[in-house]
Full PDB file with SEQRES, HELIX, SHEET, SSBOND, CRYST1, ORIGX, SCALE, CONECT and MASTER records, all heavy atoms in Angstrom:
SEQRES   1 A   31  THR SER ALA VAL LEU MET LEU VAL LEU ASN LEU PHE GLY          
SEQRES   2 A   31  LEU GLY LEU GLY PRO PHE VAL THR GLY LEU LEU SER ASP          
SEQRES   3 A   31  THR LEU VAL ALA HIS                                          
HELIX    1 AA1 SER A    2  VAL A    8  1                                   7    
HELIX    2 AA2 LEU A    9  LEU A   16  3                                   8    
HELIX    3 AA3 GLY A   17  ALA A   30  1                                  14    
CRYST1    1.000    1.000    1.000  90.00  90.00  90.00 P 1           1          
ORIGX1      1.000000  0.000000  0.000000        0.00000                         
ORIGX2      0.000000  1.000000  0.000000        0.00000                         
ORIGX3      0.000000  0.000000  1.000000        0.00000                         
SCALE1      1.000000  0.000000  0.000000        0.00000                         
SCALE2      0.000000  1.000000  0.000000        0.00000                         
SCALE3      0.000000  0.000000  1.000000        0.00000                         
ATOM      1  N   THR A   1       4.277  22.012  -2.761  1.00  0.00           N  
ATOM      2  CA  THR A   1       4.820  21.337  -1.577  1.00  0.00           C  
ATOM      3  C   THR A   1       3.849  20.297  -1.051  1.00  0.00           C  
ATOM      4  O   THR A   1       4.239  19.177  -0.707  1.00  0.00           O  
ATOM      5  CB  THR A   1       5.126  22.379  -0.479  1.00  0.00           C  
ATOM      6  OG1 THR A   1       6.117  23.285  -0.955  1.00  0.00           O  
ATOM      7  CG2 THR A   1       5.618  21.716   0.793  1.00  0.00           C  
ATOM      8  N   SER A   2       2.566  20.648  -0.988  1.00  0.00           N  
ATOM      9  CA  SER A   2       1.550  19.679  -0.566  1.00  0.00           C  
ATOM     10  C   SER A   2       1.444  18.524  -1.551  1.00  0.00           C  
ATOM     11  O   SER A   2       1.272  17.360  -1.150  1.00  0.00           O  
ATOM     12  CB  SER A   2       0.191  20.365  -0.423  1.00  0.00           C  
ATOM     13  OG  SER A   2       0.135  21.178   0.726  1.00  0.00           O  
ATOM     14  N   ALA A   3       1.542  18.835  -2.847  1.00  0.00           N  
ATOM     15  CA  ALA A   3       1.407  17.788  -3.861  1.00  0.00           C  
ATOM     16  C   ALA A   3       2.536  16.772  -3.771  1.00  0.00           C  
ATOM     17  O   ALA A   3       2.312  15.562  -3.904  1.00  0.00           O  
ATOM     18  CB  ALA A   3       1.370  18.416  -5.255  1.00  0.00           C  
ATOM     19  N   VAL A   4       3.765  17.242  -3.556  1.00  0.00           N  
ATOM     20  CA  VAL A   4       4.893  16.315  -3.415  1.00  0.00           C  
ATOM     21  C   VAL A   4       4.698  15.439  -2.177  1.00  0.00           C  
ATOM     22  O   VAL A   4       4.924  14.222  -2.206  1.00  0.00           O  
ATOM     23  CB  VAL A   4       6.223  17.085  -3.326  1.00  0.00           C  
ATOM     24  CG1 VAL A   4       7.375  16.138  -3.011  1.00  0.00           C  
ATOM     25  CG2 VAL A   4       6.497  17.826  -4.631  1.00  0.00           C  
ATOM     26  N   LEU A   5       4.274  16.067  -1.080  1.00  0.00           N  
ATOM     27  CA  LEU A   5       4.008  15.316   0.138  1.00  0.00           C  
ATOM     28  C   LEU A   5       2.923  14.268  -0.087  1.00  0.00           C  
ATOM     29  O   LEU A   5       3.073  13.094   0.277  1.00  0.00           O  
ATOM     30  CB  LEU A   5       3.589  16.284   1.245  1.00  0.00           C  
ATOM     31  CG  LEU A   5       3.294  15.692   2.628  1.00  0.00           C  
ATOM     32  CD1 LEU A   5       4.532  15.030   3.218  1.00  0.00           C  
ATOM     33  CD2 LEU A   5       2.766  16.770   3.566  1.00  0.00           C  
ATOM     34  N   MET A   6       1.821  14.686  -0.725  1.00  0.00           N  
ATOM     35  CA  MET A   6       0.727  13.761  -0.994  1.00  0.00           C  
ATOM     36  C   MET A   6       1.128  12.676  -1.990  1.00  0.00           C  
ATOM     37  O   MET A   6       0.638  11.546  -1.918  1.00  0.00           O  
ATOM     38  CB  MET A   6      -0.485  14.523  -1.533  1.00  0.00           C  
ATOM     39  CG  MET A   6      -1.131  15.474  -0.546  1.00  0.00           C  
ATOM     40  SD  MET A   6      -1.804  14.642   0.918  1.00  0.00           S  
ATOM     41  CE  MET A   6      -0.624  15.191   2.161  1.00  0.00           C  
ATOM     42  N   LEU A   7       2.024  13.011  -2.919  1.00  0.00           N  
ATOM     43  CA  LEU A   7       2.484  12.019  -3.890  1.00  0.00           C  
ATOM     44  C   LEU A   7       3.113  10.829  -3.175  1.00  0.00           C  
ATOM     45  O   LEU A   7       2.753   9.673  -3.426  1.00  0.00           O  
ATOM     46  CB  LEU A   7       3.503  12.658  -4.836  1.00  0.00           C  
ATOM     47  CG  LEU A   7       4.277  11.696  -5.753  1.00  0.00           C  
ATOM     48  CD1 LEU A   7       3.352  11.072  -6.771  1.00  0.00           C  
ATOM     49  CD2 LEU A   7       5.428  12.408  -6.458  1.00  0.00           C  
ATOM     50  N   VAL A   8       4.045  11.115  -2.267  1.00  0.00           N  
ATOM     51  CA  VAL A   8       4.740  10.035  -1.570  1.00  0.00           C  
ATOM     52  C   VAL A   8       3.792   9.313  -0.613  1.00  0.00           C  
ATOM     53  O   VAL A   8       3.778   8.078  -0.546  1.00  0.00           O  
ATOM     54  CB  VAL A   8       5.963  10.579  -0.814  1.00  0.00           C  
ATOM     55  CG1 VAL A   8       6.690   9.450  -0.087  1.00  0.00           C  
ATOM     56  CG2 VAL A   8       6.914  11.276  -1.787  1.00  0.00           C  
ATOM     57  N   LEU A   9       2.995  10.083   0.132  1.00  0.00           N  
ATOM     58  CA  LEU A   9       2.073   9.464   1.081  1.00  0.00           C  
ATOM     59  C   LEU A   9       1.081   8.544   0.376  1.00  0.00           C  
ATOM     60  O   LEU A   9       0.791   7.442   0.863  1.00  0.00           O  
ATOM     61  CB  LEU A   9       1.304  10.534   1.862  1.00  0.00           C  
ATOM     62  CG  LEU A   9       1.873  10.952   3.216  1.00  0.00           C  
ATOM     63  CD1 LEU A   9       3.256  11.580   3.064  1.00  0.00           C  
ATOM     64  CD2 LEU A   9       0.932  11.916   3.926  1.00  0.00           C  
ATOM     65  N   ASN A  10       0.595   8.976  -0.764  1.00  0.00           N  
ATOM     66  CA  ASN A  10      -0.409   8.177  -1.462  1.00  0.00           C  
ATOM     67  C   ASN A  10       0.188   6.996  -2.214  1.00  0.00           C  
ATOM     68  O   ASN A  10      -0.413   5.922  -2.253  1.00  0.00           O  
ATOM     69  CB  ASN A  10      -1.210   9.064  -2.413  1.00  0.00           C  
ATOM     70  CG  ASN A  10      -2.209   9.934  -1.686  1.00  0.00           C  
ATOM     71  OD1 ASN A  10      -3.077   9.437  -0.984  1.00  0.00           O  
ATOM     72  ND2 ASN A  10      -2.081  11.240  -1.830  1.00  0.00           N  
ATOM     73  N   LEU A  11       1.363   7.183  -2.820  1.00  0.00           N  
ATOM     74  CA  LEU A  11       1.979   6.055  -3.518  1.00  0.00           C  
ATOM     75  C   LEU A  11       2.377   4.960  -2.540  1.00  0.00           C  
ATOM     76  O   LEU A  11       2.114   3.774  -2.756  1.00  0.00           O  
ATOM     77  CB  LEU A  11       3.192   6.526  -4.317  1.00  0.00           C  
ATOM     78  CG  LEU A  11       2.917   7.265  -5.625  1.00  0.00           C  
ATOM     79  CD1 LEU A  11       4.217   7.694  -6.275  1.00  0.00           C  
ATOM     80  CD2 LEU A  11       2.119   6.382  -6.579  1.00  0.00           C  
ATOM     81  N   PHE A  12       3.027   5.359  -1.449  1.00  0.00           N  
ATOM     82  CA  PHE A  12       3.500   4.372  -0.479  1.00  0.00           C  
ATOM     83  C   PHE A  12       2.371   3.924   0.449  1.00  0.00           C  
ATOM     84  O   PHE A  12       2.251   2.727   0.753  1.00  0.00           O  
ATOM     85  CB  PHE A  12       4.635   4.974   0.354  1.00  0.00           C  
ATOM     86  CG  PHE A  12       5.359   3.949   1.202  1.00  0.00           C  
ATOM     87  CD1 PHE A  12       6.293   3.096   0.641  1.00  0.00           C  
ATOM     88  CD2 PHE A  12       5.094   3.845   2.558  1.00  0.00           C  
ATOM     89  CE1 PHE A  12       6.955   2.149   1.417  1.00  0.00           C  
ATOM     90  CE2 PHE A  12       5.751   2.915   3.343  1.00  0.00           C  
ATOM     91  CZ  PHE A  12       6.688   2.065   2.769  1.00  0.00           C  
ATOM     92  N   GLY A  13       1.545   4.877   0.903  1.00  0.00           N  
ATOM     93  CA  GLY A  13       0.493   4.544   1.856  1.00  0.00           C  
ATOM     94  C   GLY A  13      -0.737   3.976   1.184  1.00  0.00           C  
ATOM     95  O   GLY A  13      -1.062   2.794   1.323  1.00  0.00           O  
ATOM     96  N   LEU A  14      -1.427   4.813   0.409  1.00  0.00           N  
ATOM     97  CA  LEU A  14      -2.641   4.374  -0.265  1.00  0.00           C  
ATOM     98  C   LEU A  14      -2.350   3.331  -1.338  1.00  0.00           C  
ATOM     99  O   LEU A  14      -3.102   2.371  -1.512  1.00  0.00           O  
ATOM    100  CB  LEU A  14      -3.338   5.590  -0.879  1.00  0.00           C  
ATOM    101  CG  LEU A  14      -4.599   5.335  -1.697  1.00  0.00           C  
ATOM    102  CD1 LEU A  14      -5.658   4.642  -0.869  1.00  0.00           C  
ATOM    103  CD2 LEU A  14      -5.132   6.654  -2.269  1.00  0.00           C  
ATOM    104  N   GLY A  15      -1.241   3.521  -2.077  1.00  0.00           N  
ATOM    105  CA  GLY A  15      -0.935   2.593  -3.162  1.00  0.00           C  
ATOM    106  C   GLY A  15      -0.492   1.231  -2.696  1.00  0.00           C  
ATOM    107  O   GLY A  15      -1.004   0.199  -3.145  1.00  0.00           O  
ATOM    108  N   LEU A  16       0.467   1.198  -1.771  1.00  0.00           N  
ATOM    109  CA  LEU A  16       1.030  -0.078  -1.345  1.00  0.00           C  
ATOM    110  C   LEU A  16       0.350  -0.665  -0.115  1.00  0.00           C  
ATOM    111  O   LEU A  16       0.305  -1.888   0.045  1.00  0.00           O  
ATOM    112  CB  LEU A  16       2.530   0.085  -1.068  1.00  0.00           C  
ATOM    113  CG  LEU A  16       3.404   0.381  -2.281  1.00  0.00           C  
ATOM    114  CD1 LEU A  16       4.870   0.506  -1.854  1.00  0.00           C  
ATOM    115  CD2 LEU A  16       3.253  -0.704  -3.335  1.00  0.00           C  
ATOM    116  N   GLY A  17      -0.161   0.196   0.787  1.00  0.00           N  
ATOM    117  CA  GLY A  17      -0.738  -0.312   2.032  1.00  0.00           C  
ATOM    118  C   GLY A  17      -1.837  -1.340   1.826  1.00  0.00           C  
ATOM    119  O   GLY A  17      -1.678  -2.519   2.187  1.00  0.00           O  
ATOM    120  N   PRO A  18      -2.985  -0.974   1.238  1.00  0.00           N  
ATOM    121  CA  PRO A  18      -4.058  -1.954   1.021  1.00  0.00           C  
ATOM    122  C   PRO A  18      -3.649  -3.102   0.109  1.00  0.00           C  
ATOM    123  O   PRO A  18      -4.035  -4.258   0.327  1.00  0.00           O  
ATOM    124  CB  PRO A  18      -5.169  -1.109   0.382  1.00  0.00           C  
ATOM    125  CG  PRO A  18      -4.886   0.283   0.812  1.00  0.00           C  
ATOM    126  CD  PRO A  18      -3.386   0.386   0.858  1.00  0.00           C  
ATOM    127  N   PHE A  19      -2.835  -2.799  -0.922  1.00  0.00           N  
ATOM    128  CA  PHE A  19      -2.437  -3.846  -1.871  1.00  0.00           C  
ATOM    129  C   PHE A  19      -1.534  -4.886  -1.216  1.00  0.00           C  
ATOM    130  O   PHE A  19      -1.766  -6.090  -1.348  1.00  0.00           O  
ATOM    131  CB  PHE A  19      -1.726  -3.216  -3.064  1.00  0.00           C  
ATOM    132  CG  PHE A  19      -1.181  -4.216  -4.047  1.00  0.00           C  
ATOM    133  CD1 PHE A  19      -2.030  -4.980  -4.825  1.00  0.00           C  
ATOM    134  CD2 PHE A  19       0.194  -4.404  -4.174  1.00  0.00           C  
ATOM    135  CE1 PHE A  19      -1.531  -5.917  -5.717  1.00  0.00           C  
ATOM    136  CE2 PHE A  19       0.702  -5.341  -5.059  1.00  0.00           C  
ATOM    137  CZ  PHE A  19      -0.166  -6.101  -5.844  1.00  0.00           C  
ATOM    138  N   VAL A  20      -0.503  -4.432  -0.491  1.00  0.00           N  
ATOM    139  CA  VAL A  20       0.417  -5.367   0.179  1.00  0.00           C  
ATOM    140  C   VAL A  20      -0.318  -6.163   1.243  1.00  0.00           C  
ATOM    141  O   VAL A  20      -0.084  -7.364   1.416  1.00  0.00           O  
ATOM    142  CB  VAL A  20       1.610  -4.605   0.785  1.00  0.00           C  
ATOM    143  CG1 VAL A  20       2.443  -5.523   1.678  1.00  0.00           C  
ATOM    144  CG2 VAL A  20       2.480  -4.016  -0.319  1.00  0.00           C  
ATOM    145  N   THR A  21      -1.231  -5.517   1.962  1.00  0.00           N  
ATOM    146  CA  THR A  21      -2.005  -6.222   2.979  1.00  0.00           C  
ATOM    147  C   THR A  21      -2.871  -7.303   2.345  1.00  0.00           C  
ATOM    148  O   THR A  21      -2.943  -8.436   2.845  1.00  0.00           O  
ATOM    149  CB  THR A  21      -2.892  -5.228   3.759  1.00  0.00           C  
ATOM    150  OG1 THR A  21      -2.067  -4.223   4.340  1.00  0.00           O  
ATOM    151  CG2 THR A  21      -3.655  -5.942   4.869  1.00  0.00           C  
ATOM    152  N   GLY A  22      -3.531  -6.995   1.244  1.00  0.00           N  
ATOM    153  CA  GLY A  22      -4.329  -8.004   0.543  1.00  0.00           C  
ATOM    154  C   GLY A  22      -3.478  -9.114  -0.029  1.00  0.00           C  
ATOM    155  O   GLY A  22      -3.841 -10.300   0.034  1.00  0.00           O  
ATOM    156  N   LEU A  23      -2.319  -8.756  -0.586  1.00  0.00           N  
ATOM    157  CA  LEU A  23      -1.410  -9.760  -1.140  1.00  0.00           C  
ATOM    158  C   LEU A  23      -0.885 -10.676  -0.047  1.00  0.00           C  
ATOM    159  O   LEU A  23      -0.820 -11.913  -0.218  1.00  0.00           O  
ATOM    160  CB  LEU A  23      -0.250  -9.059  -1.845  1.00  0.00           C  
ATOM    161  CG  LEU A  23       0.724  -9.940  -2.641  1.00  0.00           C  
ATOM    162  CD1 LEU A  23       0.008 -10.633  -3.788  1.00  0.00           C  
ATOM    163  CD2 LEU A  23       1.886  -9.101  -3.172  1.00  0.00           C  
ATOM    164  N   LEU A  24      -0.523 -10.090   1.101  1.00  0.00           N  
ATOM    165  CA  LEU A  24      -0.051 -10.890   2.224  1.00  0.00           C  
ATOM    166  C   LEU A  24      -1.152 -11.808   2.750  1.00  0.00           C  
ATOM    167  O   LEU A  24      -0.905 -12.963   3.106  1.00  0.00           O  
ATOM    168  CB  LEU A  24       0.448  -9.971   3.337  1.00  0.00           C  
ATOM    169  CG  LEU A  24       1.021 -10.641   4.591  1.00  0.00           C  
ATOM    170  CD1 LEU A  24       2.201 -11.535   4.239  1.00  0.00           C  
ATOM    171  CD2 LEU A  24       1.442  -9.581   5.605  1.00  0.00           C  
ATOM    172  N   SER A  25      -2.377 -11.300   2.770  1.00  0.00           N  
ATOM    173  CA  SER A  25      -3.504 -12.126   3.202  1.00  0.00           C  
ATOM    174  C   SER A  25      -3.703 -13.320   2.280  1.00  0.00           C  
ATOM    175  O   SER A  25      -3.883 -14.454   2.735  1.00  0.00           O  
ATOM    176  CB  SER A  25      -4.776 -11.279   3.242  1.00  0.00           C  
ATOM    177  OG  SER A  25      -5.902 -12.058   3.581  1.00  0.00           O  
ATOM    178  N   ASP A  26      -3.659 -13.091   0.967  1.00  0.00           N  
ATOM    179  CA  ASP A  26      -3.790 -14.191   0.005  1.00  0.00           C  
ATOM    180  C   ASP A  26      -2.662 -15.211   0.171  1.00  0.00           C  
ATOM    181  O   ASP A  26      -2.875 -16.426   0.071  1.00  0.00           O  
ATOM    182  CB  ASP A  26      -3.775 -13.643  -1.423  1.00  0.00           C  
ATOM    183  CG  ASP A  26      -5.105 -13.020  -1.819  1.00  0.00           C  
ATOM    184  OD1 ASP A  26      -6.111 -13.295  -1.152  1.00  0.00           O  
ATOM    185  OD2 ASP A  26      -5.114 -12.246  -2.797  1.00  0.00           O  
ATOM    186  N   THR A  27      -1.447 -14.707   0.424  1.00  0.00           N  
ATOM    187  CA  THR A  27      -0.294 -15.599   0.586  1.00  0.00           C  
ATOM    188  C   THR A  27      -0.426 -16.450   1.841  1.00  0.00           C  
ATOM    189  O   THR A  27      -0.117 -17.652   1.831  1.00  0.00           O  
ATOM    190  CB  THR A  27       1.008 -14.773   0.658  1.00  0.00           C  
ATOM    191  OG1 THR A  27       1.130 -13.972  -0.524  1.00  0.00           O  
ATOM    192  CG2 THR A  27       2.220 -15.682   0.781  1.00  0.00           C  
ATOM    193  N   LEU A  28      -0.879 -15.839   2.934  1.00  0.00           N  
ATOM    194  CA  LEU A  28      -1.005 -16.567   4.196  1.00  0.00           C  
ATOM    195  C   LEU A  28      -2.127 -17.600   4.165  1.00  0.00           C  
ATOM    196  O   LEU A  28      -2.071 -18.593   4.897  1.00  0.00           O  
ATOM    197  CB  LEU A  28      -1.247 -15.581   5.344  1.00  0.00           C  
ATOM    198  CG  LEU A  28      -0.057 -14.688   5.721  1.00  0.00           C  
ATOM    199  CD1 LEU A  28      -0.471 -13.673   6.786  1.00  0.00           C  
ATOM    200  CD2 LEU A  28       1.116 -15.525   6.216  1.00  0.00           C  
ATOM    201  N   VAL A  29      -3.139 -17.363   3.327  1.00  0.00           N  
ATOM    202  CA  VAL A  29      -4.233 -18.338   3.222  1.00  0.00           C  
ATOM    203  C   VAL A  29      -3.700 -19.697   2.798  1.00  0.00           C  
ATOM    204  O   VAL A  29      -4.119 -20.748   3.305  1.00  0.00           O  
ATOM    205  CB  VAL A  29      -5.308 -17.844   2.233  1.00  0.00           C  
ATOM    206  CG1 VAL A  29      -6.268 -18.976   1.870  1.00  0.00           C  
ATOM    207  CG2 VAL A  29      -6.084 -16.696   2.836  1.00  0.00           C  
ATOM    208  N   ALA A  30      -2.748 -19.685   1.860  1.00  0.00           N  
ATOM    209  CA  ALA A  30      -2.187 -20.950   1.364  1.00  0.00           C  
ATOM    210  C   ALA A  30      -1.445 -21.713   2.450  1.00  0.00           C  
ATOM    211  O   ALA A  30      -1.374 -22.943   2.426  1.00  0.00           O  
ATOM    212  CB  ALA A  30      -1.247 -20.667   0.196  1.00  0.00           C  
ATOM    213  N   HIS A  31      -0.875 -20.986   3.430  1.00  0.00           N  
ATOM    214  CA  HIS A  31      -0.093 -21.623   4.485  1.00  0.00           C  
ATOM    215  C   HIS A  31      -0.904 -21.882   5.753  1.00  0.00           C  
ATOM    216  O   HIS A  31      -0.620 -22.824   6.487  1.00  0.00           O  
ATOM    217  CB  HIS A  31       1.117 -20.758   4.833  1.00  0.00           C  
ATOM    218  CG  HIS A  31       2.064 -20.563   3.697  1.00  0.00           C  
ATOM    219  ND1 HIS A  31       2.963 -21.532   3.293  1.00  0.00           N  
ATOM    220  CD2 HIS A  31       2.252 -19.521   2.851  1.00  0.00           C  
ATOM    221  CE1 HIS A  31       3.666 -21.101   2.263  1.00  0.00           C  
ATOM    222  NE2 HIS A  31       3.255 -19.877   1.971  1.00  0.00           N  
TER     223      HIS A  31                                                      
MASTER        0    0    0    3    0    0    0    6  222    1    0    3          
END                                                                             
């Protein structure tokens, strides 16, 4: 149960959070 919870939290939170923020930062630099 903890592993399933951590799977979603980490894929969406840890996986996408820093990456999307960095990608958005790179995109905004151009504009």
